[in-house]
Amino acid sequence: MDQIRKKLDTLRLENETAAGEIDTLKSKVKELEQDNLAKEQDIKSLTHKNGVLEKDYETLESKMSGYKDEGAQGAQLKAENENLTRKVQMLEEEAEEADRNLRETNEKLRQTDVKAGHFERKVQALESSRDQWEQKYEDMSKKYADTKKELDDFAAELHNVA
C-alpha cells in the first residue's frame, strides 16, 4: 500500500505538474490564438490594401498609357508645329520678296507714268506745232492759189492786150 500511496502521490504530483503544464499550454494556446487572430486581421487588412493598391496600379498604368499617348501626340504636334513654323517663315520671306517686288514695280510704274506724262506733253506740243504748220500750209496754199489766179488773170489780160 505504501507503494500504491507512493504511486498515488507520484501520480498526484504528475497530475499537478500536468495541470500546471496544461494551464501553461492553455495560456500559450490562447496567446497563440490571439496572435493568430491578429495575424489573420493583418492578412485581411493587407489583402484589402493589396486590392486597393492593385486598383491604383491599374489606374496609374492606364494614366501612364494615356500620358505616353499624349507624349507621342505632343511629339507629333511639336514636329507639325516646327513644319508650320518653317512654312510661315518661308511665306513671310516670300511676302517680303513680293512686297519688295511690288515696291520696285510701283516705282517703275511711277517712273513710267512720269515719262508718259512727259511724252503726252511732247505729243501735245508736236500736235500743236503740226496744227500751226497745217494752218500755215493752208494759208500759204490759199495765198498761192490766190497769187496763181492773179498771175493767170494777169497773164490772160496780157495775152488779151497783146
N, C-alpha and C. Protein backbone atom coordinates (compact mmCIF):
# COMPACT_ATOMS: atom_id res chain seq x y z
N MET A 1 0.78 -1.13 0.00
CA MET A 1 0.00 0.00 0.00
C MET A 1 0.85 1.24 0.00
N ASP A 2 1.87 1.07 0.61
CA ASP A 2 2.79 2.18 0.52
C ASP A 2 3.16 2.45 -0.93
N GLN A 3 3.29 1.41 -1.57
CA GLN A 3 3.67 1.57 -2.97
C GLN A 3 2.53 2.25 -3.72
N ILE A 4 1.36 1.91 -3.34
CA ILE A 4 0.22 2.47 -4.04
C ILE A 4 0.15 3.95 -3.66
N ARG A 5 0.43 4.23 -2.38
CA ARG A 5 0.40 5.61 -1.96
C ARG A 5 1.49 6.39 -2.64
N LYS A 6 2.60 5.79 -2.72
CA LYS A 6 3.69 6.46 -3.39
C LYS A 6 3.32 6.68 -4.84
N LYS A 7 2.73 5.65 -5.35
CA LYS A 7 2.34 5.74 -6.75
C LYS A 7 1.28 6.81 -6.89
N LEU A 8 0.33 6.87 -5.94
CA LEU A 8 -0.72 7.88 -5.99
C LEU A 8 -0.10 9.26 -5.82
N ASP A 9 0.83 9.35 -4.88
CA ASP A 9 1.49 10.64 -4.67
C ASP A 9 2.22 11.05 -5.94
N THR A 10 2.89 10.08 -6.52
CA THR A 10 3.61 10.37 -7.76
C THR A 10 2.62 10.78 -8.83
N LEU A 11 1.51 10.07 -8.87
CA LEU A 11 0.51 10.39 -9.90
C LEU A 11 -0.11 11.76 -9.60
N ARG A 12 -0.35 12.04 -8.31
CA ARG A 12 -0.89 13.36 -7.98
C ARG A 12 0.10 14.44 -8.36
N LEU A 13 1.34 14.15 -8.04
CA LEU A 13 2.39 15.12 -8.36
C LEU A 13 2.45 15.31 -9.89
N GLU A 14 2.40 14.22 -10.57
CA GLU A 14 2.43 14.29 -12.03
C GLU A 14 1.18 14.99 -12.52
N ASN A 15 0.04 14.72 -11.88
CA ASN A 15 -1.23 15.34 -12.26
C ASN A 15 -1.14 16.84 -12.04
N GLU A 16 -0.61 17.26 -10.91
CA GLU A 16 -0.48 18.69 -10.62
C GLU A 16 0.48 19.33 -11.61
N THR A 17 1.59 18.61 -11.86
CA THR A 17 2.55 19.13 -12.82
C THR A 17 1.89 19.21 -14.19
N ALA A 18 1.15 18.16 -14.54
CA ALA A 18 0.47 18.14 -15.83
C ALA A 18 -0.58 19.23 -15.87
N ALA A 19 -1.30 19.45 -14.74
CA ALA A 19 -2.33 20.50 -14.70
C ALA A 19 -1.67 21.85 -14.88
N GLY A 20 -0.49 22.04 -14.21
CA GLY A 20 0.24 23.30 -14.38
C GLY A 20 0.69 23.47 -15.81
N GLU A 21 1.15 22.37 -16.39
CA GLU A 21 1.58 22.45 -17.80
C GLU A 21 0.38 22.71 -18.70
N ILE A 22 -0.77 22.08 -18.35
CA ILE A 22 -1.99 22.29 -19.14
C ILE A 22 -2.38 23.76 -19.06
N ASP A 23 -2.34 24.34 -17.86
CA ASP A 23 -2.67 25.76 -17.71
C ASP A 23 -1.70 26.62 -18.52
N THR A 24 -0.42 26.26 -18.44
CA THR A 24 0.59 26.99 -19.19
C THR A 24 0.33 26.84 -20.68
N LEU A 25 0.06 25.60 -21.09
CA LEU A 25 -0.19 25.34 -22.52
C LEU A 25 -1.49 26.02 -22.97
N LYS A 26 -2.52 26.01 -22.08
CA LYS A 26 -3.78 26.67 -22.43
C LYS A 26 -3.54 28.17 -22.63
N SER A 27 -2.74 28.75 -21.72
CA SER A 27 -2.48 30.18 -21.87
C SER A 27 -1.66 30.43 -23.13
N LYS A 28 -0.72 29.47 -23.43
CA LYS A 28 0.04 29.62 -24.66
C LYS A 28 -0.87 29.47 -25.86
N VAL A 29 -1.80 28.51 -25.83
CA VAL A 29 -2.75 28.32 -26.93
C VAL A 29 -3.59 29.57 -27.10
N LYS A 30 -4.07 30.12 -25.95
CA LYS A 30 -4.87 31.34 -26.01
C LYS A 30 -4.04 32.47 -26.62
N GLU A 31 -2.82 32.58 -26.18
CA GLU A 31 -1.93 33.62 -26.70
C GLU A 31 -1.69 33.41 -28.19
N LEU A 32 -1.45 32.13 -28.56
CA LEU A 32 -1.22 31.83 -29.99
C LEU A 32 -2.48 32.08 -30.81
N GLU A 33 -3.66 31.76 -30.24
CA GLU A 33 -4.91 32.03 -30.95
C GLU A 33 -5.09 33.53 -31.14
N GLN A 34 -4.75 34.30 -30.09
CA GLN A 34 -4.85 35.76 -30.22
C GLN A 34 -3.87 36.28 -31.27
N ASP A 35 -2.65 35.73 -31.24
CA ASP A 35 -1.67 36.11 -32.26
C ASP A 35 -2.18 35.72 -33.65
N ASN A 36 -2.75 34.49 -33.71
CA ASN A 36 -3.28 34.01 -34.98
C ASN A 36 -4.41 34.93 -35.46
N LEU A 37 -5.31 35.32 -34.56
CA LEU A 37 -6.41 36.21 -34.91
C LEU A 37 -5.87 37.57 -35.36
N ALA A 38 -4.88 38.07 -34.64
CA ALA A 38 -4.28 39.36 -35.02
C ALA A 38 -3.63 39.25 -36.39
N LYS A 39 -2.95 38.11 -36.63
CA LYS A 39 -2.29 37.93 -37.92
C LYS A 39 -3.32 37.75 -39.03
N GLU A 40 -4.44 37.08 -38.76
CA GLU A 40 -5.50 36.96 -39.75
C GLU A 40 -6.07 38.32 -40.09
N GLN A 41 -6.25 39.14 -39.04
CA GLN A 41 -6.74 40.51 -39.29
C GLN A 41 -5.72 41.29 -40.10
N ASP A 42 -4.43 41.12 -39.79
CA ASP A 42 -3.38 41.77 -40.57
C ASP A 42 -3.42 41.30 -42.02
N ILE A 43 -3.63 39.96 -42.18
CA ILE A 43 -3.71 39.40 -43.54
C ILE A 43 -4.88 40.00 -44.28
N LYS A 44 -6.06 40.07 -43.61
CA LYS A 44 -7.25 40.66 -44.25
C LYS A 44 -6.98 42.11 -44.61
N SER A 45 -6.38 42.83 -43.67
CA SER A 45 -6.07 44.25 -43.90
C SER A 45 -5.10 44.40 -45.06
N LEU A 46 -4.06 43.55 -45.06
CA LEU A 46 -3.07 43.62 -46.14
C LEU A 46 -3.67 43.19 -47.48
N THR A 47 -4.58 42.18 -47.43
CA THR A 47 -5.26 41.74 -48.65
C THR A 47 -6.09 42.89 -49.21
N HIS A 48 -6.80 43.58 -48.32
CA HIS A 48 -7.60 44.73 -48.75
C HIS A 48 -6.70 45.82 -49.33
N LYS A 49 -5.61 46.11 -48.59
CA LYS A 49 -4.67 47.11 -49.08
C LYS A 49 -4.09 46.70 -50.43
N ASN A 50 -3.78 45.39 -50.57
CA ASN A 50 -3.24 44.88 -51.82
C ASN A 50 -4.25 45.09 -52.96
N GLY A 51 -5.53 44.80 -52.70
CA GLY A 51 -6.57 45.03 -53.71
C GLY A 51 -6.66 46.49 -54.11
N VAL A 52 -6.61 47.38 -53.09
CA VAL A 52 -6.66 48.83 -53.36
C VAL A 52 -5.44 49.25 -54.17
N LEU A 53 -4.27 48.72 -53.78
CA LEU A 53 -3.03 49.07 -54.50
C LEU A 53 -3.06 48.55 -55.94
N GLU A 54 -3.64 47.34 -56.13
CA GLU A 54 -3.75 46.82 -57.50
C GLU A 54 -4.65 47.70 -58.35
N LYS A 55 -5.77 48.16 -57.75
CA LYS A 55 -6.65 49.08 -58.48
C LYS A 55 -5.92 50.38 -58.79
N ASP A 56 -5.20 50.89 -57.80
CA ASP A 56 -4.41 52.11 -58.00
C ASP A 56 -3.37 51.89 -59.09
N TYR A 57 -2.73 50.70 -59.06
CA TYR A 57 -1.73 50.38 -60.05
C TYR A 57 -2.34 50.39 -61.45
N GLU A 58 -3.52 49.74 -61.59
CA GLU A 58 -4.20 49.71 -62.89
C GLU A 58 -4.57 51.12 -63.34
N THR A 59 -5.07 51.92 -62.38
CA THR A 59 -5.42 53.30 -62.72
C THR A 59 -4.19 54.07 -63.17
N LEU A 60 -3.10 53.91 -62.41
CA LEU A 60 -1.86 54.62 -62.76
C LEU A 60 -1.29 54.12 -64.09
N GLU A 61 -1.41 52.81 -64.31
CA GLU A 61 -0.93 52.26 -65.57
C GLU A 61 -1.75 52.80 -66.73
N SER A 62 -3.06 52.91 -66.54
CA SER A 62 -3.93 53.48 -67.57
C SER A 62 -3.57 54.94 -67.82
N LYS A 63 -3.36 55.69 -66.72
CA LYS A 63 -2.96 57.10 -66.87
C LYS A 63 -1.63 57.20 -67.58
N MET A 64 -0.69 56.32 -67.20
CA MET A 64 0.63 56.34 -67.81
C MET A 64 0.52 56.06 -69.31
N SER A 65 -0.33 55.11 -69.67
CA SER A 65 -0.55 54.83 -71.08
C SER A 65 -1.11 56.06 -71.79
N GLY A 66 -2.07 56.71 -71.12
CA GLY A 66 -2.63 57.94 -71.69
C GLY A 66 -1.57 59.02 -71.83
N TYR A 67 -0.71 59.13 -70.81
CA TYR A 67 0.36 60.14 -70.87
C TYR A 67 1.34 59.82 -71.99
N LYS A 68 1.62 58.51 -72.15
CA LYS A 68 2.51 58.12 -73.25
C LYS A 68 1.89 58.51 -74.59
N ASP A 69 0.58 58.24 -74.74
CA ASP A 69 -0.12 58.62 -75.97
C ASP A 69 -0.07 60.13 -76.16
N GLU A 70 -0.30 60.85 -75.07
CA GLU A 70 -0.25 62.31 -75.15
C GLU A 70 1.16 62.78 -75.47
N GLY A 71 2.15 62.09 -74.92
CA GLY A 71 3.54 62.42 -75.22
C GLY A 71 3.84 62.20 -76.70
N ALA A 72 3.33 61.08 -77.23
CA ALA A 72 3.53 60.80 -78.66
C ALA A 72 2.81 61.86 -79.49
N GLN A 73 1.58 62.22 -79.07
CA GLN A 73 0.85 63.28 -79.77
C GLN A 73 1.59 64.60 -79.66
N GLY A 74 2.14 64.85 -78.47
CA GLY A 74 2.89 66.08 -78.25
C GLY A 74 4.10 66.14 -79.18
N ALA A 75 4.79 65.01 -79.32
CA ALA A 75 5.95 64.97 -80.22
C ALA A 75 5.51 65.20 -81.66
N GLN A 76 4.38 64.57 -82.02
CA GLN A 76 3.85 64.75 -83.37
C GLN A 76 3.44 66.20 -83.58
N LEU A 77 2.76 66.78 -82.59
CA LEU A 77 2.33 68.17 -82.70
C LEU A 77 3.54 69.11 -82.74
N LYS A 78 4.58 68.75 -81.98
CA LYS A 78 5.79 69.57 -82.00
C LYS A 78 6.41 69.55 -83.39
N ALA A 79 6.50 68.37 -83.98
CA ALA A 79 7.06 68.25 -85.34
C ALA A 79 6.18 69.03 -86.33
N GLU A 80 4.87 68.90 -86.18
CA GLU A 80 3.94 69.62 -87.06
C GLU A 80 4.09 71.13 -86.86
N ASN A 81 4.26 71.53 -85.60
CA ASN A 81 4.45 72.95 -85.29
C ASN A 81 5.74 73.47 -85.92
N GLU A 82 6.81 72.67 -85.85
CA GLU A 82 8.07 73.07 -86.47
C GLU A 82 7.91 73.21 -87.97
N ASN A 83 7.18 72.25 -88.59
CA ASN A 83 6.93 72.34 -90.04
C ASN A 83 6.14 73.60 -90.37
N LEU A 84 5.11 73.86 -89.59
CA LEU A 84 4.29 75.04 -89.84
C LEU A 84 5.09 76.32 -89.61
N THR A 85 5.96 76.30 -88.61
CA THR A 85 6.80 77.47 -88.35
C THR A 85 7.71 77.73 -89.54
N ARG A 86 8.30 76.64 -90.09
CA ARG A 86 9.14 76.80 -91.28
C ARG A 86 8.33 77.32 -92.45
N LYS A 87 7.11 76.80 -92.62
CA LYS A 87 6.26 77.27 -93.72
C LYS A 87 5.92 78.75 -93.54
N VAL A 88 5.60 79.13 -92.29
CA VAL A 88 5.29 80.54 -92.02
C VAL A 88 6.49 81.41 -92.33
N GLN A 89 7.67 80.95 -91.93
CA GLN A 89 8.89 81.71 -92.19
C GLN A 89 9.11 81.85 -93.70
N MET A 90 8.91 80.74 -94.43
CA MET A 90 9.06 80.80 -95.89
C MET A 90 8.05 81.76 -96.50
N LEU A 91 6.79 81.68 -96.01
CA LEU A 91 5.75 82.57 -96.54
C LEU A 91 6.06 84.03 -96.21
N GLU A 92 6.61 84.27 -95.00
CA GLU A 92 6.98 85.64 -94.64
C GLU A 92 8.09 86.15 -95.55
N GLU A 93 9.07 85.26 -95.84
CA GLU A 93 10.15 85.65 -96.75
C GLU A 93 9.60 85.92 -98.14
N GLU A 94 8.68 85.04 -98.60
CA GLU A 94 8.06 85.25 -99.91
C GLU A 94 7.25 86.54 -99.91
N ALA A 95 6.56 86.82 -98.80
CA ALA A 95 5.76 88.05 -98.71
C ALA A 95 6.68 89.26 -98.75
N GLU A 96 7.82 89.19 -98.04
CA GLU A 96 8.78 90.29 -98.07
C GLU A 96 9.31 90.49 -99.48
N GLU A 97 9.63 89.38 -100.16
CA GLU A 97 10.13 89.46 -101.54
C GLU A 97 9.04 90.04 -102.45
N ALA A 98 7.80 89.59 -102.27
CA ALA A 98 6.69 90.11 -103.08
C ALA A 98 6.49 91.59 -102.78
N ASP A 99 6.62 91.98 -101.52
CA ASP A 99 6.46 93.39 -101.14
C ASP A 99 7.57 94.23 -101.78
N ARG A 100 8.81 93.70 -101.76
CA ARG A 100 9.92 94.41 -102.38
C ARG A 100 9.68 94.54 -103.88
N ASN A 101 9.23 93.43 -104.52
CA ASN A 101 8.93 93.47 -105.95
C ASN A 101 7.80 94.46 -106.24
N LEU A 102 6.80 94.50 -105.36
CA LEU A 102 5.68 95.43 -105.54
C LEU A 102 6.18 96.86 -105.45
N ARG A 103 7.05 97.14 -104.47
CA ARG A 103 7.59 98.50 -104.35
C ARG A 103 8.39 98.87 -105.59
N GLU A 104 9.22 97.91 -106.07
CA GLU A 104 10.00 98.17 -107.28
C GLU A 104 9.08 98.40 -108.47
N THR A 105 8.04 97.57 -108.59
CA THR A 105 7.10 97.71 -109.69
C THR A 105 6.35 99.03 -109.60
N ASN A 106 5.94 99.41 -108.38
CA ASN A 106 5.26 100.70 -108.21
C ASN A 106 6.18 101.85 -108.58
N GLU A 107 7.46 101.75 -108.21
CA GLU A 107 8.42 102.80 -108.56
C GLU A 107 8.58 102.88 -110.07
N LYS A 108 8.69 101.71 -110.70
CA LYS A 108 8.81 101.69 -112.17
C LYS A 108 7.54 102.24 -112.81
N LEU A 109 6.38 101.90 -112.25
CA LEU A 109 5.11 102.41 -112.77
C LEU A 109 5.05 103.92 -112.61
N ARG A 110 5.50 104.43 -111.47
CA ARG A 110 5.51 105.87 -111.26
C ARG A 110 6.43 106.55 -112.27
N GLN A 111 7.61 105.93 -112.48
CA GLN A 111 8.54 106.49 -113.46
C GLN A 111 7.94 106.44 -114.86
N THR A 112 7.25 105.33 -115.16
CA THR A 112 6.60 105.20 -116.47
C THR A 112 5.50 106.24 -116.62
N ASP A 113 4.72 106.47 -115.53
CA ASP A 113 3.68 107.49 -115.57
C ASP A 113 4.28 108.88 -115.81
N VAL A 114 5.44 109.16 -115.16
CA VAL A 114 6.11 110.44 -115.35
C VAL A 114 6.56 110.58 -116.81
N LYS A 115 7.16 109.48 -117.32
CA LYS A 115 7.60 109.50 -118.72
C LYS A 115 6.40 109.64 -119.66
N ALA A 116 5.32 108.92 -119.35
CA ALA A 116 4.12 109.00 -120.20
C ALA A 116 3.58 110.42 -120.18
N GLY A 117 3.55 111.06 -119.01
CA GLY A 117 3.09 112.46 -118.93
C GLY A 117 4.00 113.36 -119.75
N HIS A 118 5.32 113.12 -119.66
CA HIS A 118 6.28 113.93 -120.43
C HIS A 118 6.02 113.75 -121.92
N PHE A 119 5.86 112.46 -122.33
CA PHE A 119 5.63 112.21 -123.76
C PHE A 119 4.27 112.74 -124.21
N GLU A 120 3.27 112.68 -123.34
CA GLU A 120 1.96 113.25 -123.70
C GLU A 120 2.09 114.75 -123.94
N ARG A 121 2.84 115.43 -123.07
CA ARG A 121 3.05 116.87 -123.26
C ARG A 121 3.81 117.12 -124.56
N LYS A 122 4.79 116.24 -124.84
CA LYS A 122 5.55 116.38 -126.08
C LYS A 122 4.65 116.19 -127.28
N VAL A 123 3.79 115.14 -127.20
CA VAL A 123 2.85 114.86 -128.30
C VAL A 123 1.92 116.04 -128.49
N GLN A 124 1.41 116.61 -127.37
CA GLN A 124 0.51 117.77 -127.48
C GLN A 124 1.24 118.94 -128.12
N ALA A 125 2.50 119.12 -127.70
CA ALA A 125 3.27 120.22 -128.28
C ALA A 125 3.49 119.98 -129.77
N LEU A 126 3.82 118.73 -130.13
CA LEU A 126 4.03 118.41 -131.55
C LEU A 126 2.73 118.53 -132.34
N GLU A 127 1.62 118.09 -131.75
CA GLU A 127 0.33 118.22 -132.43
C GLU A 127 -0.02 119.69 -132.63
N SER A 128 0.27 120.49 -131.58
CA SER A 128 0.02 121.93 -131.69
C SER A 128 0.89 122.53 -132.79
N SER A 129 2.16 122.11 -132.81
CA SER A 129 3.08 122.60 -133.85
C SER A 129 2.60 122.17 -135.23
N ARG A 130 2.17 120.88 -135.33
CA ARG A 130 1.65 120.37 -136.59
C ARG A 130 0.43 121.16 -137.04
N ASP A 131 -0.49 121.43 -136.05
CA ASP A 131 -1.69 122.20 -136.40
C ASP A 131 -1.30 123.58 -136.91
N GLN A 132 -0.30 124.18 -136.25
CA GLN A 132 0.16 125.50 -136.71
C GLN A 132 0.74 125.41 -138.12
N TRP A 133 1.57 124.36 -138.36
CA TRP A 133 2.14 124.19 -139.71
C TRP A 133 1.05 123.92 -140.74
N GLU A 134 0.04 123.12 -140.36
CA GLU A 134 -1.06 122.87 -141.30
C GLU A 134 -1.81 124.16 -141.59
N GLN A 135 -2.03 124.95 -140.52
CA GLN A 135 -2.72 126.23 -140.72
C GLN A 135 -1.88 127.13 -141.64
N LYS A 136 -0.57 127.18 -141.41
CA LYS A 136 0.31 127.98 -142.27
C LYS A 136 0.27 127.46 -143.69
N TYR A 137 0.26 126.06 -143.83
CA TYR A 137 0.22 125.46 -145.16
C TYR A 137 -1.07 125.85 -145.87
N GLU A 138 -2.19 125.77 -145.12
CA GLU A 138 -3.47 126.15 -145.73
C GLU A 138 -3.46 127.62 -146.12
N ASP A 139 -2.94 128.44 -145.21
CA ASP A 139 -2.86 129.88 -145.52
C ASP A 139 -1.98 130.11 -146.75
N MET A 140 -0.82 129.44 -146.80
CA MET A 140 0.10 129.61 -147.92
C MET A 140 -0.50 129.04 -149.20
N SER A 141 -1.22 127.88 -149.04
CA SER A 141 -1.86 127.30 -150.23
C SER A 141 -2.90 128.25 -150.77
N LYS A 142 -3.64 128.88 -149.88
CA LYS A 142 -4.67 129.83 -150.29
C LYS A 142 -4.02 131.05 -150.96
N LYS A 143 -2.95 131.55 -150.33
CA LYS A 143 -2.24 132.69 -150.92
C LYS A 143 -1.67 132.31 -152.27
N TYR A 144 -1.11 131.04 -152.35
CA TYR A 144 -0.56 130.58 -153.61
C TYR A 144 -1.64 130.50 -154.66
N ALA A 145 -2.80 129.94 -154.24
CA ALA A 145 -3.91 129.81 -155.19
C ALA A 145 -4.36 131.20 -155.62
N ASP A 146 -4.46 132.12 -154.65
CA ASP A 146 -4.87 133.49 -155.00
C ASP A 146 -3.82 134.15 -155.91
N THR A 147 -2.56 133.98 -155.55
CA THR A 147 -1.49 134.59 -156.35
C THR A 147 -1.46 133.98 -157.73
N LYS A 148 -1.65 132.66 -157.84
CA LYS A 148 -1.66 132.00 -159.13
C LYS A 148 -2.83 132.49 -159.96
N LYS A 149 -3.96 132.67 -159.30
CA LYS A 149 -5.14 133.15 -160.02
C LYS A 149 -4.86 134.58 -160.52
N GLU A 150 -4.25 135.38 -159.66
CA GLU A 150 -3.93 136.75 -160.08
C GLU A 150 -2.95 136.71 -161.26
N LEU A 151 -1.95 135.78 -161.13
CA LEU A 151 -0.97 135.67 -162.19
C LEU A 151 -1.63 135.20 -163.47
N ASP A 152 -2.53 134.21 -163.35
CA ASP A 152 -3.24 133.69 -164.52
C ASP A 152 -4.11 134.80 -165.11
N ASP A 153 -4.78 135.54 -164.23
CA ASP A 153 -5.62 136.65 -164.71
C ASP A 153 -4.74 137.71 -165.40
N PHE A 154 -3.60 137.99 -164.78
CA PHE A 154 -2.69 138.97 -165.34
C PHE A 154 -2.12 138.47 -166.66
N ALA A 155 -1.81 137.19 -166.76
CA ALA A 155 -1.29 136.62 -167.98
C ALA A 155 -2.38 136.64 -169.03
N ALA A 156 -3.63 136.38 -168.64
CA ALA A 156 -4.72 136.39 -169.59
C ALA A 156 -4.95 137.82 -170.07
N GLU A 157 -4.85 138.76 -169.22
CA GLU A 157 -5.01 140.14 -169.60
C GLU A 157 -3.88 140.56 -170.53
N LEU A 158 -2.70 140.10 -170.24
CA LEU A 158 -1.55 140.40 -171.08
C LEU A 158 -1.76 139.74 -172.43
N HIS A 159 -2.24 138.60 -172.43
CA HIS A 159 -2.45 137.89 -173.67
C HIS A 159 -3.57 138.57 -174.43
N ASN A 160 -4.53 139.08 -173.76
CA ASN A 160 -5.63 139.78 -174.39
C ASN A 160 -5.15 141.14 -174.85
N VAL A 161 -4.30 141.72 -174.22
CA VAL A 161 -3.81 143.02 -174.59
C VAL A 161 -2.88 142.84 -175.79
N ALA A 162 -2.26 141.81 -175.84
CA ALA A 162 -1.31 141.66 -176.90
C ALA A 162 -1.95 141.19 -178.13
